[in-house]
Amino acid sequence: MKPDPIKAELKSTFHRIRDGFLLAGIGLILASPHIYDQAYSLAPRMFTRPATPETMKLFLLGLLILYFFSLFLFILIGMLANKRAGLAPFSYPGWGKILLSLALGILLIPVSYLLYDHLALALIPEVYPRKLFVALIYPISASFPQELATRFALLSLAVWILGKSKRKKILANFLTSLLLAAFAWVDFYRLAGVSLTGMEIILFWTGVVVLNMVAGALYLKNGFWSSLAFKFGLMLKFPLFFLLFF
């Protein structure tokens, strides 16, 4: 007797929703220190009037709710897109590749600083934690949830839409990196509130695009854990910058 395709699809959908909630919950828990610290440190730049404790509580609650459901939606998209694109993001690449990705992320911290972090440190120092304990949490808090949204969801969606060939994957990675650079630029410009020189703009966009393309290439070749290790290594800049500049 053949299984009912409708029941099978409903069961599969239920499993995806369940797994999506679990991953979004884990992502929210890990991201909470980063969200909490950024909400309070950037409040003076976000609000036209001084924030009260009551408004900050509501603002933080709204951020957490929005973050959870946004991440949940991204994860659902990623689950479908990875399957359609023929990607196996959670396959284990081996400790050797994970450690190499981690080392590559750490080695590229100076590149990140030279291209755009020096601008953020000067113009928006609030985006960097001012306590060592928080700075030590930032790497995992800022990497795991972001990789779910950027590589697991957006990059896999781009590969699904554009095609599975090597050239199409490179194009998908470039376009995704360009989109992420646009988001980063909008956030940076909104918070900094000053105009940059043409060279500073070029360096900023180059840095964000190139580093995202490296993470995307690792994701497409070795999977999620490899790109996560790279992003974690790169995010170790937060405790490093704390020790150097704060």
C-alpha atoms as a PDB file:
ATOM      1  CA  MET A   1       0.000   0.000   0.000  1.00  0.00           C
ATOM      2  CA  LYS A   2       1.457   3.334  -1.112  1.00  0.00           C
ATOM      3  CA  PRO A   3       1.662   6.074   1.512  1.00  0.00           C
ATOM      4  CA  ASP A   4      -0.743   8.986   1.137  1.00  0.00           C
ATOM      5  CA  PRO A   5       1.284  11.822  -0.521  1.00  0.00           C
ATOM      6  CA  ILE A   6      -0.811  14.488   1.192  1.00  0.00           C
ATOM      7  CA  LYS A   7      -0.194  13.019   4.639  1.00  0.00           C
ATOM      8  CA  ALA A   8       3.498  12.607   3.844  1.00  0.00           C
ATOM      9  CA  GLU A   9       3.758  16.261   2.771  1.00  0.00           C
ATOM     10  CA  LEU A  10       1.876  17.457   5.859  1.00  0.00           C
ATOM     11  CA  LYS A  11       4.210  15.419   8.060  1.00  0.00           C
ATOM     12  CA  SER A  12       7.251  16.824   6.281  1.00  0.00           C
ATOM     13  CA  THR A  13       5.878  20.369   6.654  1.00  0.00           C
ATOM     14  CA  PHE A  14       5.260  19.818  10.371  1.00  0.00           C
ATOM     15  CA  HIS A  15       8.846  18.597  10.813  1.00  0.00           C
ATOM     16  CA  ARG A  16      10.220  21.647   8.978  1.00  0.00           C
ATOM     17  CA  ILE A  17       8.171  24.018  11.146  1.00  0.00           C
ATOM     18  CA  ARG A  18       9.245  22.189  14.302  1.00  0.00           C
ATOM     19  CA  ASP A  19      12.917  22.258  13.304  1.00  0.00           C
ATOM     20  CA  GLY A  20      12.578  25.898  12.232  1.00  0.00           C
ATOM     21  CA  PHE A  21      11.217  26.874  15.640  1.00  0.00           C
ATOM     22  CA  LEU A  22      14.004  24.995  17.395  1.00  0.00           C
ATOM     23  CA  LEU A  23      16.750  26.563  15.268  1.00  0.00           C
ATOM     24  CA  ALA A  24      15.200  30.033  15.565  1.00  0.00           C
ATOM     25  CA  GLY A  25      14.954  29.581  19.330  1.00  0.00           C
ATOM     26  CA  ILE A  26      18.599  28.533  19.584  1.00  0.00           C
ATOM     27  CA  GLY A  27      19.569  31.431  17.325  1.00  0.00           C
ATOM     28  CA  LEU A  28      17.613  33.897  19.469  1.00  0.00           C
ATOM     29  CA  ILE A  29      19.168  32.610  22.697  1.00  0.00           C
ATOM     30  CA  LEU A  30      22.654  32.960  21.237  1.00  0.00           C
ATOM     31  CA  ALA A  31      21.903  36.372  19.716  1.00  0.00           C
ATOM     32  CA  SER A  32      20.274  37.789  22.866  1.00  0.00           C
ATOM     33  CA  PRO A  33      23.500  39.139  24.466  1.00  0.00           C
ATOM     34  CA  HIS A  34      24.373  40.881  21.196  1.00  0.00           C
ATOM     35  CA  ILE A  35      20.836  42.269  20.783  1.00  0.00           C
ATOM     36  CA  TYR A  36      20.643  43.409  24.411  1.00  0.00           C
ATOM     37  CA  ASP A  37      24.042  45.132  24.356  1.00  0.00           C
ATOM     38  CA  GLN A  38      23.432  46.837  21.011  1.00  0.00           C
ATOM     39  CA  ALA A  39      19.947  48.016  21.984  1.00  0.00           C
ATOM     40  CA  TYR A  40      21.246  49.906  25.001  1.00  0.00           C
ATOM     41  CA  SER A  41      24.534  51.143  23.543  1.00  0.00           C
ATOM     42  CA  LEU A  42      22.946  52.424  20.317  1.00  0.00           C
ATOM     43  CA  ALA A  43      19.784  53.856  21.936  1.00  0.00           C
ATOM     44  CA  PRO A  44      21.092  57.461  21.902  1.00  0.00           C
ATOM     45  CA  ARG A  45      21.641  57.208  18.137  1.00  0.00           C
ATOM     46  CA  MET A  46      18.275  55.523  17.482  1.00  0.00           C
ATOM     47  CA  PHE A  47      15.938  57.749  19.491  1.00  0.00           C
ATOM     48  CA  THR A  48      15.388  61.461  18.978  1.00  0.00           C
ATOM     49  CA  ARG A  49      14.508  61.817  22.670  1.00  0.00           C
ATOM     50  CA  PRO A  50      16.218  60.213  25.678  1.00  0.00           C
ATOM     51  CA  ALA A  51      14.930  56.702  26.195  1.00  0.00           C
ATOM     52  CA  THR A  52      13.256  55.841  29.484  1.00  0.00           C
ATOM     53  CA  PRO A  53      13.521  52.411  31.162  1.00  0.00           C
ATOM     54  CA  GLU A  54       9.938  51.669  30.085  1.00  0.00           C
ATOM     55  CA  THR A  55      10.534  52.539  26.425  1.00  0.00           C
ATOM     56  CA  MET A  56      13.782  50.549  26.411  1.00  0.00           C
ATOM     57  CA  LYS A  57      11.999  47.460  27.754  1.00  0.00           C
ATOM     58  CA  LEU A  58       9.352  47.727  25.037  1.00  0.00           C
ATOM     59  CA  PHE A  59      12.013  48.395  22.401  1.00  0.00           C
ATOM     60  CA  LEU A  60      14.048  45.378  23.486  1.00  0.00           C
ATOM     61  CA  LEU A  61      10.970  43.138  23.610  1.00  0.00           C
ATOM     62  CA  GLY A  62      10.009  44.251  20.104  1.00  0.00           C
ATOM     63  CA  LEU A  63      13.532  43.549  18.859  1.00  0.00           C
ATOM     64  CA  LEU A  64      13.519  40.037  20.319  1.00  0.00           C
ATOM     65  CA  ILE A  65      10.121  39.181  18.844  1.00  0.00           C
ATOM     66  CA  LEU A  66      11.047  40.620  15.435  1.00  0.00           C
ATOM     67  CA  TYR A  67      14.400  38.809  15.473  1.00  0.00           C
ATOM     68  CA  PHE A  68      12.842  35.454  16.317  1.00  0.00           C
ATOM     69  CA  PHE A  69      10.178  35.505  13.621  1.00  0.00           C
ATOM     70  CA  SER A  70      12.557  36.953  11.026  1.00  0.00           C
ATOM     71  CA  LEU A  71      15.057  34.198  11.779  1.00  0.00           C
ATOM     72  CA  PHE A  72      12.286  31.602  11.734  1.00  0.00           C
ATOM     73  CA  LEU A  73      11.204  32.772   8.269  1.00  0.00           C
ATOM     74  CA  PHE A  74      14.792  32.750   6.990  1.00  0.00           C
ATOM     75  CA  ILE A  75      15.301  29.214   8.305  1.00  0.00           C
ATOM     76  CA  LEU A  76      12.158  27.942   6.592  1.00  0.00           C
ATOM     77  CA  ILE A  77      13.345  29.514   3.342  1.00  0.00           C
ATOM     78  CA  GLY A  78      16.765  27.933   3.819  1.00  0.00           C
ATOM     79  CA  MET A  79      15.347  24.475   4.442  1.00  0.00           C
ATOM     80  CA  LEU A  80      13.429  24.537   1.188  1.00  0.00           C
ATOM     81  CA  ALA A  81      16.109  26.348  -0.836  1.00  0.00           C
ATOM     82  CA  ASN A  82      18.964  24.053   0.196  1.00  0.00           C
ATOM     83  CA  LYS A  83      16.902  21.013  -0.773  1.00  0.00           C
ATOM     84  CA  ARG A  84      15.968  22.481  -4.154  1.00  0.00           C
ATOM     85  CA  ALA A  85      19.536  23.667  -4.782  1.00  0.00           C
ATOM     86  CA  GLY A  86      20.973  20.241  -3.995  1.00  0.00           C
ATOM     87  CA  LEU A  87      23.046  21.519  -1.078  1.00  0.00           C
ATOM     88  CA  ALA A  88      23.765  19.584   2.108  1.00  0.00           C
ATOM     89  CA  PRO A  89      24.614  22.397   4.529  1.00  0.00           C
ATOM     90  CA  PHE A  90      24.831  20.363   7.740  1.00  0.00           C
ATOM     91  CA  SER A  91      27.021  17.575   6.407  1.00  0.00           C
ATOM     92  CA  TYR A  92      30.171  17.243   8.503  1.00  0.00           C
ATOM     93  CA  PRO A  93      33.277  18.420   6.586  1.00  0.00           C
ATOM     94  CA  GLY A  94      35.788  17.180   9.153  1.00  0.00           C
ATOM     95  CA  TRP A  95      37.731  18.984  11.868  1.00  0.00           C
ATOM     96  CA  GLY A  96      40.578  19.773   9.502  1.00  0.00           C
ATOM     97  CA  LYS A  97      38.427  21.938   7.212  1.00  0.00           C
ATOM     98  CA  ILE A  98      36.633  23.537  10.155  1.00  0.00           C
ATOM     99  CA  LEU A  99      39.924  24.523  11.809  1.00  0.00           C
ATOM    100  CA  LEU A 100      41.297  25.853   8.515  1.00  0.00           C
ATOM    101  CA  SER A 101      38.163  27.987   8.107  1.00  0.00           C
ATOM    102  CA  LEU A 102      38.562  29.255  11.680  1.00  0.00           C
ATOM    103  CA  ALA A 103      42.206  30.135  11.060  1.00  0.00           C
ATOM    104  CA  LEU A 104      41.308  31.913   7.821  1.00  0.00           C
ATOM    105  CA  GLY A 105      38.729  34.034   9.642  1.00  0.00           C
ATOM    106  CA  ILE A 106      41.272  35.019  12.301  1.00  0.00           C
ATOM    107  CA  LEU A 107      43.906  35.845   9.666  1.00  0.00           C
ATOM    108  CA  LEU A 108      41.475  38.161   7.864  1.00  0.00           C
ATOM    109  CA  ILE A 109      40.745  40.293  10.956  1.00  0.00           C
ATOM    110  CA  PRO A 110      43.441  42.837   9.909  1.00  0.00           C
ATOM    111  CA  VAL A 111      41.824  43.017   6.453  1.00  0.00           C
ATOM    112  CA  SER A 112      38.475  43.682   8.085  1.00  0.00           C
ATOM    113  CA  TYR A 113      40.038  46.438  10.192  1.00  0.00           C
ATOM    114  CA  LEU A 114      41.811  48.127   7.299  1.00  0.00           C
ATOM    115  CA  LEU A 115      38.788  48.088   4.996  1.00  0.00           C
ATOM    116  CA  TYR A 116      35.904  49.107   7.256  1.00  0.00           C
ATOM    117  CA  ASP A 117      36.339  48.446  10.984  1.00  0.00           C
ATOM    118  CA  HIS A 118      38.592  51.476  11.405  1.00  0.00           C
ATOM    119  CA  LEU A 119      35.708  53.602  10.105  1.00  0.00           C
ATOM    120  CA  ALA A 120      33.207  52.051  12.506  1.00  0.00           C
ATOM    121  CA  LEU A 121      35.592  52.395  15.445  1.00  0.00           C
ATOM    122  CA  ALA A 122      35.923  56.103  14.724  1.00  0.00           C
ATOM    123  CA  LEU A 123      32.331  56.936  13.785  1.00  0.00           C
ATOM    124  CA  ILE A 124      30.181  54.359  15.629  1.00  0.00           C
ATOM    125  CA  PRO A 125      32.263  53.032  18.539  1.00  0.00           C
ATOM    126  CA  GLU A 126      29.017  51.950  20.251  1.00  0.00           C
ATOM    127  CA  VAL A 127      28.768  48.879  18.001  1.00  0.00           C
ATOM    128  CA  TYR A 128      31.752  47.407  19.849  1.00  0.00           C
ATOM    129  CA  PRO A 129      31.226  46.045  23.382  1.00  0.00           C
ATOM    130  CA  ARG A 130      32.763  47.944  26.282  1.00  0.00           C
ATOM    131  CA  LYS A 131      32.974  44.976  28.685  1.00  0.00           C
ATOM    132  CA  LEU A 132      35.367  42.068  28.196  1.00  0.00           C
ATOM    133  CA  PHE A 133      32.769  39.459  29.193  1.00  0.00           C
ATOM    134  CA  VAL A 134      30.345  40.766  26.562  1.00  0.00           C
ATOM    135  CA  ALA A 135      33.140  41.004  23.985  1.00  0.00           C
ATOM    136  CA  LEU A 136      33.936  37.321  24.559  1.00  0.00           C
ATOM    137  CA  ILE A 137      30.291  36.388  23.926  1.00  0.00           C
ATOM    138  CA  TYR A 138      30.009  38.465  20.739  1.00  0.00           C
ATOM    139  CA  PRO A 139      31.751  36.020  18.346  1.00  0.00           C
ATOM    140  CA  ILE A 140      29.193  33.216  18.732  1.00  0.00           C
ATOM    141  CA  SER A 141      26.318  35.616  19.424  1.00  0.00           C
ATOM    142  CA  ALA A 142      26.961  37.488  16.173  1.00  0.00           C
ATOM    143  CA  SER A 143      27.962  34.546  13.984  1.00  0.00           C
ATOM    144  CA  PHE A 144      25.561  31.593  14.357  1.00  0.00           C
ATOM    145  CA  PRO A 145      22.252  33.483  13.852  1.00  0.00           C
ATOM    146  CA  GLN A 146      23.716  35.591  11.042  1.00  0.00           C
ATOM    147  CA  GLU A 147      25.012  32.546   9.182  1.00  0.00           C
ATOM    148  CA  LEU A 148      21.553  30.987   9.329  1.00  0.00           C
ATOM    149  CA  ALA A 149      20.063  34.089   7.711  1.00  0.00           C
ATOM    150  CA  THR A 150      22.817  34.929   5.220  1.00  0.00           C
ATOM    151  CA  ARG A 151      24.352  31.686   3.990  1.00  0.00           C
ATOM    152  CA  PHE A 152      21.774  29.048   4.976  1.00  0.00           C
ATOM    153  CA  ALA A 153      18.836  31.122   3.693  1.00  0.00           C
ATOM    154  CA  LEU A 154      19.845  33.893   1.274  1.00  0.00           C
ATOM    155  CA  LEU A 155      22.777  32.199  -0.458  1.00  0.00           C
ATOM    156  CA  SER A 156      20.978  28.879  -0.879  1.00  0.00           C
ATOM    157  CA  LEU A 157      17.945  30.748  -2.224  1.00  0.00           C
ATOM    158  CA  ALA A 158      20.153  32.533  -4.766  1.00  0.00           C
ATOM    159  CA  VAL A 159      21.682  29.204  -5.863  1.00  0.00           C
ATOM    160  CA  TRP A 160      18.217  27.682  -6.214  1.00  0.00           C
ATOM    161  CA  ILE A 161      17.036  30.598  -8.371  1.00  0.00           C
ATOM    162  CA  LEU A 162      20.150  31.051 -10.524  1.00  0.00           C
ATOM    163  CA  GLY A 163      21.259  27.427 -10.972  1.00  0.00           C
ATOM    164  CA  LYS A 164      23.570  24.730  -9.639  1.00  0.00           C
ATOM    165  CA  SER A 165      26.484  25.032 -12.056  1.00  0.00           C
ATOM    166  CA  LYS A 166      29.837  26.305 -10.797  1.00  0.00           C
ATOM    167  CA  ARG A 167      29.490  29.641 -12.618  1.00  0.00           C
ATOM    168  CA  LYS A 168      25.948  30.108 -11.380  1.00  0.00           C
ATOM    169  CA  LYS A 169      27.037  29.425  -7.798  1.00  0.00           C
ATOM    170  CA  ILE A 170      29.806  32.026  -8.089  1.00  0.00           C
ATOM    171  CA  LEU A 171      27.281  34.520  -9.431  1.00  0.00           C
ATOM    172  CA  ALA A 172      24.829  33.653  -6.638  1.00  0.00           C
ATOM    173  CA  ASN A 173      27.574  34.153  -4.055  1.00  0.00           C
ATOM    174  CA  PHE A 174      28.569  37.510  -5.541  1.00  0.00           C
ATOM    175  CA  LEU A 175      25.001  38.822  -5.740  1.00  0.00           C
ATOM    176  CA  THR A 176      24.248  37.667  -2.192  1.00  0.00           C
ATOM    177  CA  SER A 177      27.420  39.333  -0.932  1.00  0.00           C
ATOM    178  CA  LEU A 178      26.476  42.515  -2.778  1.00  0.00           C
ATOM    179  CA  LEU A 179      23.027  42.478  -1.171  1.00  0.00           C
ATOM    180  CA  LEU A 180      24.544  41.984   2.287  1.00  0.00           C
ATOM    181  CA  ALA A 181      26.955  44.845   1.638  1.00  0.00           C
ATOM    182  CA  ALA A 182      24.002  47.072   0.739  1.00  0.00           C
ATOM    183  CA  PHE A 183      22.279  46.188   4.033  1.00  0.00           C
ATOM    184  CA  ALA A 184      25.497  46.846   5.959  1.00  0.00           C
ATOM    185  CA  TRP A 185      25.982  50.180   4.199  1.00  0.00           C
ATOM    186  CA  VAL A 186      22.436  51.339   4.983  1.00  0.00           C
ATOM    187  CA  ASP A 187      22.916  50.477   8.666  1.00  0.00           C
ATOM    188  CA  PHE A 188      26.337  52.103   8.790  1.00  0.00           C
ATOM    189  CA  TYR A 189      25.233  55.307   7.056  1.00  0.00           C
ATOM    190  CA  ARG A 190      22.079  55.568   9.196  1.00  0.00           C
ATOM    191  CA  LEU A 191      24.028  55.250  12.429  1.00  0.00           C
ATOM    192  CA  ALA A 192      27.138  57.218  11.464  1.00  0.00           C
ATOM    193  CA  GLY A 193      25.180  60.156  10.060  1.00  0.00           C
ATOM    194  CA  VAL A 194      28.207  61.576   8.205  1.00  0.00           C
ATOM    195  CA  SER A 195      29.396  61.506   4.624  1.00  0.00           C
ATOM    196  CA  LEU A 196      32.428  59.420   3.687  1.00  0.00           C
ATOM    197  CA  THR A 197      35.007  60.042   0.997  1.00  0.00           C
ATOM    198  CA  GLY A 198      34.810  58.104  -2.251  1.00  0.00           C
ATOM    199  CA  MET A 199      37.787  55.936  -1.264  1.00  0.00           C
ATOM    200  CA  GLU A 200      36.268  55.151   2.143  1.00  0.00           C
ATOM    201  CA  ILE A 201      33.033  54.058   0.481  1.00  0.00           C
ATOM    202  CA  ILE A 202      34.931  51.828  -1.965  1.00  0.00           C
ATOM    203  CA  LEU A 203      36.935  50.252   0.876  1.00  0.00           C
ATOM    204  CA  PHE A 204      33.796  49.647   2.933  1.00  0.00           C
ATOM    205  CA  TRP A 205      31.897  47.940   0.109  1.00  0.00           C
ATOM    206  CA  THR A 206      34.970  45.963  -0.975  1.00  0.00           C
ATOM    207  CA  GLY A 207      35.553  44.680   2.538  1.00  0.00           C
ATOM    208  CA  VAL A 208      31.986  43.560   3.159  1.00  0.00           C
ATOM    209  CA  VAL A 209      31.604  41.969  -0.290  1.00  0.00           C
ATOM    210  CA  VAL A 210      34.943  40.131  -0.243  1.00  0.00           C
ATOM    211  CA  LEU A 211      34.576  38.733   3.282  1.00  0.00           C
ATOM    212  CA  ASN A 212      31.036  37.592   2.574  1.00  0.00           C
ATOM    213  CA  MET A 213      32.181  35.949  -0.647  1.00  0.00           C
ATOM    214  CA  VAL A 214      34.846  34.017   1.278  1.00  0.00           C
ATOM    215  CA  ALA A 215      32.211  32.824   3.770  1.00  0.00           C
ATOM    216  CA  GLY A 216      29.864  31.961   0.895  1.00  0.00           C
ATOM    217  CA  ALA A 217      32.528  29.979  -0.942  1.00  0.00           C
ATOM    218  CA  LEU A 218      33.221  27.965   2.199  1.00  0.00           C
ATOM    219  CA  TYR A 219      29.501  27.337   2.640  1.00  0.00           C
ATOM    220  CA  LEU A 220      29.058  26.102  -0.923  1.00  0.00           C
ATOM    221  CA  LYS A 221      32.145  23.901  -0.745  1.00  0.00           C
ATOM    222  CA  ASN A 222      32.112  22.533   2.808  1.00  0.00           C
ATOM    223  CA  GLY A 223      28.741  23.464   4.292  1.00  0.00           C
ATOM    224  CA  PHE A 224      27.374  25.487   7.190  1.00  0.00           C
ATOM    225  CA  TRP A 225      29.887  24.463   9.865  1.00  0.00           C
ATOM    226  CA  SER A 226      32.803  25.616   7.748  1.00  0.00           C
ATOM    227  CA  SER A 227      31.319  29.050   7.009  1.00  0.00           C
ATOM    228  CA  LEU A 228      30.308  29.348  10.688  1.00  0.00           C
ATOM    229  CA  ALA A 229      33.876  28.600  11.783  1.00  0.00           C
ATOM    230  CA  PHE A 230      35.156  31.285   9.405  1.00  0.00           C
ATOM    231  CA  LYS A 231      32.627  33.833  10.680  1.00  0.00           C
ATOM    232  CA  PHE A 232      33.423  32.936  14.294  1.00  0.00           C
ATOM    233  CA  GLY A 233      37.139  33.440  13.633  1.00  0.00           C
ATOM    234  CA  LEU A 234      36.447  36.802  12.010  1.00  0.00           C
ATOM    235  CA  MET A 235      34.180  37.856  14.898  1.00  0.00           C
ATOM    236  CA  LEU A 236      37.016  37.268  17.353  1.00  0.00           C
ATOM    237  CA  LYS A 237      37.862  40.840  16.368  1.00  0.00           C
ATOM    238  CA  PHE A 238      35.464  42.008  19.093  1.00  0.00           C
ATOM    239  CA  PRO A 239      37.525  40.804  22.086  1.00  0.00           C
ATOM    240  CA  LEU A 240      40.698  41.740  20.190  1.00  0.00           C
ATOM    241  CA  PHE A 241      39.509  45.307  19.540  1.00  0.00           C
ATOM    242  CA  PHE A 242      38.348  45.558  23.158  1.00  0.00           C
ATOM    243  CA  LEU A 243      41.874  44.737  24.348  1.00  0.00           C
ATOM    244  CA  LEU A 244      43.469  47.122  21.836  1.00  0.00           C
ATOM    245  CA  PHE A 245      41.162  50.143  21.856  1.00  0.00           C
ATOM    246  CA  PHE A 246      38.909  50.171  24.921  1.00  0.00           C
END
